[in-house]
């Protein structure tokens, strides 16, 4: 049944996208592990980690496009759900260090020993067990999104007011996580990870495995989103986006639809954050910064809002440009480039990269059909 729904929901663009992801899952490990380092085709391990980070950002963009592109909920706080999932994974990784930390204390993480904590806080219990940590990766962002959405949507908070509240939410979380007495690392965050599921985090094969897992999650999240937006549920979401009052007058419980898609989007963002942390090696309160959530909105806008594929394309394009500009003498100009890119897309490419490409191809097809000679009439008998 699920396979049938997936096949029915896929169009040519979606098929190409999933095909590219599948090829990357097979090709990149081969080019990293089997091809010699001196070869032109070799993919270095540092690039594997960088691609893994990009993929996690693409999953976050996909989650944001699901609520913004199809339901009209412009969230400026999705970075909070991403960071919460990352912190849940970071807490699990910290518990795996054991007595290999600087202070060699098997019961407390190093930062707690440094701050003279005597015992592990109760909310850290269970994070030494991966199934519990995985549950929290989904539960914490999901319950926060559910509670926030239930309060906001039932009060009919929409538009710029909702965007400002989501931004205030992530800013408040950033300030809270900066405090040392929160017991989650303070401004330094969580780092110095050793193992994940018994495998060394820094090992080449672990890096490859994390990238493949990230690509698999990207494909799974895309397939789930595609099935959702092409279903009757998705059509109601689009109706809410385009005419919320009219949809409500037709008898639909708009608040319920918004709440479901917002909570699902938060869970996807939390999973992206969880895979992001072991690949970059750190999680700190700066991940909650409102600028990160705003940047995610730019990814979706650049790629093409309401296309799913465009969100992924935008995340890769913008983050590639960010890596290019921030690793050299042009680092001081990156924010100008980012702002200029957003203005350019808004004025010149309002449908984003994917939308502009589709519009160009549609015009070419129309021109070809117009230039084609008219069929000759059949001779009369």
Protein backbone atom coordinates (compact mmCIF):
# COMPACT_ATOMS: atom_id res chain seq x y z
CA UNK A 1 0.00 0.00 0.00
CA UNK A 2 2.80 2.40 0.97
CA UNK A 3 4.78 1.51 -2.16
CA UNK A 4 1.70 2.11 -4.31
CA UNK A 5 1.15 5.54 -2.73
CA UNK A 6 4.80 6.44 -3.28
CA UNK A 7 4.77 5.39 -6.94
CA UNK A 8 1.56 7.33 -7.56
CA UNK A 9 2.97 10.45 -5.90
CA UNK A 10 6.23 10.58 -7.87
CA UNK A 11 6.57 12.66 -11.01
CA UNK A 12 9.55 12.81 -13.37
CA UNK A 13 11.35 15.43 -11.28
CA UNK A 14 10.94 13.41 -8.08
CA UNK A 15 12.12 10.24 -9.81
CA UNK A 16 15.26 11.97 -11.03
CA UNK A 17 15.92 13.35 -7.58
CA UNK A 18 15.60 10.00 -5.80
CA UNK A 19 17.73 8.42 -8.51
CA UNK A 20 20.51 10.96 -7.94
CA UNK A 21 20.38 10.37 -4.19
CA UNK A 22 20.58 6.58 -4.72
CA UNK A 23 23.58 6.96 -7.04
CA UNK A 24 25.32 9.22 -4.51
CA UNK A 25 24.75 6.63 -1.75
CA UNK A 26 26.62 4.05 -3.83
CA UNK A 27 29.16 6.17 -5.71
CA UNK A 28 30.60 8.37 -2.95
CA UNK A 29 31.64 5.47 -0.66
CA UNK A 30 33.32 3.75 -3.63
CA UNK A 31 35.18 6.92 -4.63
CA UNK A 32 36.29 7.46 -1.03
CA UNK A 33 37.22 3.92 0.04
CA UNK A 34 38.16 2.11 -3.16
CA UNK A 35 39.80 4.83 -5.31
CA UNK A 36 43.43 5.66 -4.36
CA UNK A 37 44.09 9.06 -2.80
CA UNK A 38 46.25 10.27 -5.66
CA UNK A 39 43.53 9.68 -8.22
CA UNK A 40 41.49 12.53 -9.67
CA UNK A 41 38.30 10.60 -8.88
CA UNK A 42 39.11 10.14 -5.19
CA UNK A 43 36.69 11.84 -2.78
CA UNK A 44 38.65 12.90 0.34
CA UNK A 45 37.23 12.22 3.78
CA UNK A 46 36.98 15.93 4.66
CA UNK A 47 34.73 16.38 1.62
CA UNK A 48 32.60 13.44 2.78
CA UNK A 49 32.00 15.24 6.10
CA UNK A 50 31.24 18.50 4.27
CA UNK A 51 28.73 16.77 1.99
CA UNK A 52 27.15 15.14 5.05
CA UNK A 53 26.68 18.56 6.60
CA UNK A 54 25.10 19.85 3.39
CA UNK A 55 22.72 16.89 3.29
CA UNK A 56 21.60 17.58 6.88
CA UNK A 57 20.93 21.20 5.91
CA UNK A 58 18.97 19.95 2.89
CA UNK A 59 16.76 17.83 5.18
CA UNK A 60 16.13 20.91 7.34
CA UNK A 61 15.22 22.91 4.22
CA UNK A 62 12.87 20.11 3.12
CA UNK A 63 11.14 20.19 6.52
CA UNK A 64 10.75 23.96 6.27
CA UNK A 65 9.41 23.79 2.72
CA UNK A 66 6.76 21.34 3.89
CA UNK A 67 5.23 23.94 6.23
CA UNK A 68 6.06 27.14 4.34
CA UNK A 69 5.78 26.07 0.73
CA UNK A 70 2.62 23.99 1.10
CA UNK A 71 0.85 25.35 4.19
CA UNK A 72 1.97 28.98 4.22
CA UNK A 73 3.51 28.80 7.72
CA UNK A 74 6.64 30.94 7.53
CA UNK A 75 8.63 29.63 10.48
CA UNK A 76 11.68 31.66 11.50
CA UNK A 77 12.47 29.21 14.29
CA UNK A 78 13.00 25.87 12.60
CA UNK A 79 16.64 26.03 13.62
CA UNK A 80 15.42 25.42 17.18
CA UNK A 81 14.04 21.99 16.28
CA UNK A 82 17.24 21.21 14.37
CA UNK A 83 19.34 22.20 17.40
CA UNK A 84 17.19 20.27 19.88
CA UNK A 85 17.64 17.09 17.87
CA UNK A 86 21.36 17.85 17.75
CA UNK A 87 21.55 18.30 21.51
CA UNK A 88 19.77 15.00 22.11
CA UNK A 89 22.35 13.26 19.92
CA UNK A 90 25.16 15.22 21.59
CA UNK A 91 24.03 14.08 25.04
CA UNK A 92 24.11 10.47 23.86
CA UNK A 93 27.60 10.91 22.41
CA UNK A 94 28.83 12.55 25.61
CA UNK A 95 27.65 9.56 27.65
CA UNK A 96 29.65 7.27 25.34
CA UNK A 97 32.94 8.96 26.30
CA UNK A 98 33.04 7.25 29.70
CA UNK A 99 36.43 7.59 31.40
CA UNK A 100 38.21 8.75 28.25
CA UNK A 101 37.56 12.43 28.93
CA UNK A 102 40.07 14.95 30.23
CA UNK A 103 39.03 14.28 33.83
CA UNK A 104 38.59 10.51 33.31
CA UNK A 105 35.27 10.54 35.15
CA UNK A 106 32.96 7.76 33.89
CA UNK A 107 29.89 9.21 35.61
CA UNK A 108 30.01 12.88 34.58
CA UNK A 109 30.89 14.69 31.34
CA UNK A 110 34.04 16.84 31.52
CA UNK A 111 32.18 20.16 31.64
CA UNK A 112 30.22 19.02 34.69
CA UNK A 113 33.41 18.00 36.48
CA UNK A 114 34.93 21.39 35.62
CA UNK A 115 31.86 23.18 37.01
CA UNK A 116 32.06 21.06 40.16
CA UNK A 117 28.80 19.20 39.62
CA UNK A 118 28.45 16.28 42.03
CA UNK A 119 25.94 14.11 40.22
CA UNK A 120 24.37 13.69 36.82
CA UNK A 121 21.13 15.73 36.35
CA UNK A 122 18.01 13.62 36.11
CA UNK A 123 17.25 14.70 32.53
CA UNK A 124 20.54 13.11 31.45
CA UNK A 125 19.36 9.67 32.63
CA UNK A 126 18.80 7.24 29.79
CA UNK A 127 21.01 8.99 27.26
CA UNK A 128 23.61 6.24 27.56
CA UNK A 129 21.11 4.01 25.72
CA UNK A 130 20.70 4.77 22.02
CA UNK A 131 17.00 3.79 21.64
CA UNK A 132 16.13 6.28 24.40
CA UNK A 133 18.28 8.96 22.75
CA UNK A 134 16.62 8.27 19.39
CA UNK A 135 13.20 8.61 21.02
CA UNK A 136 14.21 11.96 22.53
CA UNK A 137 15.56 13.17 19.16
CA UNK A 138 12.01 12.87 17.84
CA UNK A 139 10.07 13.59 21.03
CA UNK A 140 11.66 16.84 22.20
CA UNK A 141 11.31 18.80 18.91
CA UNK A 142 7.96 17.15 18.26
CA UNK A 143 6.41 17.97 21.65
CA UNK A 144 7.72 21.54 21.52
CA UNK A 145 6.24 22.03 18.04
CA UNK A 146 2.97 20.42 19.14
CA UNK A 147 2.57 22.62 22.22
CA UNK A 148 3.65 25.77 20.40
CA UNK A 149 1.42 25.00 17.42
CA UNK A 150 -1.56 24.11 19.57
CA UNK A 151 -1.37 27.47 21.34
CA UNK A 152 -0.61 29.52 18.22
CA UNK A 153 -2.94 27.90 15.69
CA UNK A 154 -5.97 27.68 17.98
CA UNK A 155 -5.48 31.41 18.65
CA UNK A 156 -5.38 31.92 14.85
CA UNK A 157 -1.99 33.59 14.92
CA UNK A 158 -0.84 33.82 11.30
CA UNK A 159 1.43 35.72 8.94
CA UNK A 160 4.20 37.94 10.21
CA UNK A 161 2.99 37.62 13.81
CA UNK A 162 3.54 33.86 13.76
CA UNK A 163 6.96 34.34 12.14
CA UNK A 164 8.02 36.78 14.87
CA UNK A 165 6.83 34.41 17.62
CA UNK A 166 8.79 31.49 16.15
CA UNK A 167 11.87 33.70 15.97
CA UNK A 168 11.37 34.73 19.61
CA UNK A 169 11.08 31.04 20.54
CA UNK A 170 14.44 30.09 19.10
CA UNK A 171 16.07 33.21 20.56
CA UNK A 172 14.73 32.37 24.03
CA UNK A 173 16.09 28.83 23.73
CA UNK A 174 19.48 30.19 22.67
CA UNK A 175 19.65 32.39 25.78
CA UNK A 176 18.60 29.49 28.01
CA UNK A 177 21.14 27.06 26.57
CA UNK A 178 23.94 29.61 27.02
CA UNK A 179 23.50 29.33 30.80
CA UNK A 180 25.92 26.95 32.55
CA UNK A 181 23.31 25.99 35.13
CA UNK A 182 21.18 24.40 32.38
CA UNK A 183 23.55 21.44 32.57
CA UNK A 184 24.03 21.12 28.79
CA UNK A 185 27.49 22.61 28.34
CA UNK A 186 26.73 26.33 28.47
CA UNK A 187 28.31 28.49 25.79
CA UNK A 188 30.88 25.78 24.93
CA UNK A 189 28.21 23.23 24.14
CA UNK A 190 28.97 19.53 23.73
CA UNK A 191 32.05 18.25 21.90
CA UNK A 192 35.03 15.85 22.06
CA UNK A 193 32.88 12.92 20.95
CA UNK A 194 34.53 9.50 20.76
CA UNK A 195 32.10 6.80 19.64
CA UNK A 196 28.68 6.37 18.09
CA UNK A 197 27.08 2.94 18.48
CA UNK A 198 30.52 1.59 19.32
CA UNK A 199 32.23 2.94 16.19
CA UNK A 200 34.87 5.71 16.35
CA UNK A 201 33.33 9.00 15.22
CA UNK A 202 36.48 10.15 13.45
CA UNK A 203 37.04 6.90 11.51
CA UNK A 204 36.82 7.09 7.74
CA UNK A 205 34.25 4.29 7.51
CA UNK A 206 32.10 5.97 10.18
CA UNK A 207 32.15 9.21 8.20
CA UNK A 208 30.99 7.34 5.12
CA UNK A 209 28.27 5.53 7.07
CA UNK A 210 26.97 8.81 8.49
CA UNK A 211 26.83 10.35 5.00
CA UNK A 212 24.95 7.34 3.64
CA UNK A 213 22.52 7.50 6.57
CA UNK A 214 22.00 11.22 5.92
CA UNK A 215 21.29 10.56 2.24
CA UNK A 216 18.90 7.75 3.18
CA UNK A 217 17.06 10.08 5.56
CA UNK A 218 16.91 12.74 2.84
CA UNK A 219 15.35 10.25 0.42
CA UNK A 220 12.93 8.97 3.08
CA UNK A 221 11.90 12.48 4.17
CA UNK A 222 11.43 13.53 0.54
CA UNK A 223 9.32 10.45 -0.23
CA UNK A 224 7.18 11.02 2.87
CA UNK A 225 6.72 14.70 2.04
CA UNK A 226 5.88 13.87 -1.57
CA UNK A 227 3.23 11.33 -0.56
CA UNK A 228 1.81 13.83 1.90
CA UNK A 229 1.56 16.82 -0.46
CA UNK A 230 0.04 14.82 -3.31
CA UNK A 231 -2.65 13.29 -1.07
CA UNK A 232 -5.99 14.80 -0.11
CA UNK A 233 -4.30 16.03 3.07
CA UNK A 234 -1.75 17.91 0.97
CA UNK A 235 -4.46 19.49 -1.17
CA UNK A 236 -6.09 20.82 2.00
CA UNK A 237 -2.72 22.23 3.07
CA UNK A 238 -2.44 24.11 -0.21
CA UNK A 239 -5.99 25.39 0.23
CA UNK A 240 -5.05 26.65 3.69
CA UNK A 241 -2.00 28.36 2.23
CA UNK A 242 -3.98 30.09 -0.52
CA UNK A 243 -7.23 30.87 1.29
CA UNK A 244 -7.28 29.92 4.95
CA UNK A 245 -10.56 31.63 5.80
CA UNK A 246 -12.38 30.05 2.87
CA UNK A 247 -11.02 26.61 3.81
CA UNK A 248 -12.25 27.09 7.36
CA UNK A 249 -15.69 28.14 6.12
CA UNK A 250 -15.87 24.94 4.07
CA UNK A 251 -15.78 22.99 7.34
CA UNK A 252 -12.15 21.93 7.59
CA UNK A 253 -10.47 22.07 10.98
CA UNK A 254 -7.58 24.21 9.78
CA UNK A 255 -5.85 24.16 13.17
CA UNK A 256 -5.59 20.37 13.10
CA UNK A 257 -4.02 20.27 9.65
CA UNK A 258 -1.51 22.95 10.60
CA UNK A 259 -0.64 21.21 13.85
CA UNK A 260 0.01 17.85 12.19
CA UNK A 261 2.26 19.20 9.45
CA UNK A 262 4.11 21.54 11.83
CA UNK A 263 4.84 18.72 14.30
CA UNK A 264 5.93 16.35 11.53
CA UNK A 265 8.21 19.04 10.09
CA UNK A 266 9.79 19.59 13.53
CA UNK A 267 10.51 15.87 13.91
CA UNK A 268 12.22 15.77 10.50
CA UNK A 269 14.30 18.82 11.46
CA UNK A 270 15.26 17.11 14.73
CA UNK A 271 16.50 14.03 12.87
CA UNK A 272 18.55 16.28 10.59
CA UNK A 273 20.16 17.92 13.63
CA UNK A 274 20.92 14.52 15.16
CA UNK A 275 22.84 13.41 12.06
CA UNK A 276 24.54 16.80 11.79
CA UNK A 277 26.23 16.67 15.22
CA UNK A 278 28.48 13.59 14.83
CA UNK A 279 29.59 14.81 11.40
CA UNK A 280 30.68 18.29 12.56
CA UNK A 281 31.81 17.16 16.01
CA UNK A 282 30.11 19.84 18.11
CA UNK A 283 26.76 21.29 19.13
CA UNK A 284 26.47 24.61 20.98
CA UNK A 285 23.82 27.30 21.59
CA UNK A 286 24.80 29.21 18.45
CA UNK A 287 22.75 26.65 16.50
CA UNK A 288 19.66 28.27 18.03
CA UNK A 289 20.59 31.69 16.64
CA UNK A 290 17.67 33.25 14.71
CA UNK A 291 20.05 33.98 11.82
CA UNK A 292 20.35 30.24 11.18
CA UNK A 293 16.59 29.86 10.83
CA UNK A 294 16.42 32.90 8.55
CA UNK A 295 19.19 31.43 6.42
CA UNK A 296 17.16 28.22 6.07
CA UNK A 297 14.28 30.32 4.72
CA UNK A 298 16.68 31.75 2.14
CA UNK A 299 17.68 28.23 1.08
CA UNK A 300 14.06 27.39 0.35
CA UNK A 301 13.42 30.69 -1.43
CA UNK A 302 16.52 30.34 -3.61
CA UNK A 303 15.77 26.75 -4.59
CA UNK A 304 12.05 27.20 -5.10
CA UNK A 305 9.33 27.31 -2.47
CA UNK A 306 6.66 24.64 -2.71
CA UNK A 307 8.69 22.24 -4.87
CA UNK A 308 10.50 20.04 -2.28
CA UNK A 309 13.35 19.46 -4.74
CA UNK A 310 13.97 23.20 -4.79
CA UNK A 311 14.51 23.26 -1.03
CA UNK A 312 17.28 20.69 -1.38
CA UNK A 313 18.84 22.48 -4.34
CA UNK A 314 18.76 25.81 -2.49
CA UNK A 315 20.41 24.31 0.60
CA UNK A 316 23.28 22.90 -1.46
CA UNK A 317 23.75 26.01 -3.59
CA UNK A 318 23.73 28.53 -0.74
CA UNK A 319 25.93 26.44 1.56
CA UNK A 320 28.42 25.79 -1.25
CA UNK A 321 28.65 29.55 -1.81
CA UNK A 322 29.01 30.06 1.94
CA UNK A 323 31.92 27.59 2.11
CA UNK A 324 33.54 29.25 -0.89
CA UNK A 325 33.27 32.78 0.49
CA UNK A 326 34.02 32.09 4.15
CA UNK A 327 37.22 30.07 3.66
CA UNK A 328 39.26 32.79 1.97
CA UNK A 329 39.84 36.51 1.79
CA UNK A 330 36.19 37.07 0.82
CA UNK A 331 34.81 36.03 4.24
CA UNK A 332 33.91 39.62 5.16
CA UNK A 333 31.63 39.88 2.11
CA UNK A 334 29.59 36.72 2.65
CA UNK A 335 26.63 38.43 4.33
CA UNK A 336 26.48 40.95 1.49
CA UNK A 337 26.44 38.09 -1.00
CA UNK A 338 23.72 36.29 0.95
CA UNK A 339 21.55 39.40 1.14
CA UNK A 340 22.12 40.18 -2.53
CA UNK A 341 21.26 36.62 -3.48
CA UNK A 342 17.96 36.81 -1.60
CA UNK A 343 17.06 40.15 -3.20
CA UNK A 344 18.02 38.83 -6.65
CA UNK A 345 15.86 35.73 -6.26
CA UNK A 346 12.94 37.76 -4.91
CA UNK A 347 12.99 40.24 -7.81
CA UNK A 348 14.26 38.14 -10.74
CA UNK A 349 13.50 34.51 -9.83
CA UNK A 350 10.41 34.61 -7.60
CA UNK A 351 9.84 30.89 -8.17
CA UNK A 352 13.44 30.02 -7.30
CA UNK A 353 15.96 28.04 -9.30
CA UNK A 354 13.77 25.00 -9.85
CA UNK A 355 10.74 27.11 -10.74
CA UNK A 356 12.75 29.17 -13.23
CA UNK A 357 14.15 26.02 -14.89
CA UNK A 358 10.68 24.49 -15.17
CA UNK A 359 9.28 27.71 -16.65
CA UNK A 360 12.13 27.84 -19.19
CA UNK A 361 11.58 24.22 -20.23
CA UNK A 362 7.83 24.77 -20.53
CA UNK A 363 8.39 27.74 -22.85
CA UNK A 364 10.78 25.68 -24.97
CA UNK A 365 8.18 22.94 -25.30
CA UNK A 366 5.53 25.47 -26.31
CA UNK A 367 7.88 27.03 -28.87
CA UNK A 368 8.71 23.61 -30.30
CA UNK A 369 5.05 22.70 -30.58
CA UNK A 370 4.27 26.04 -32.25
CA UNK A 371 7.11 25.58 -34.76
CA UNK A 372 6.14 22.01 -35.60
CA UNK A 373 4.41 21.69 -39.02
CA UNK A 374 0.72 21.10 -38.90
CA UNK A 375 -0.32 17.52 -39.74
CA UNK A 376 -1.40 17.01 -43.34
CA UNK A 377 -5.09 16.29 -43.82
CA UNK A 378 -5.90 12.77 -44.90
CA UNK A 379 -6.94 12.54 -48.56
CA UNK A 380 -10.65 12.05 -49.15
CA UNK A 381 -11.69 8.64 -50.46
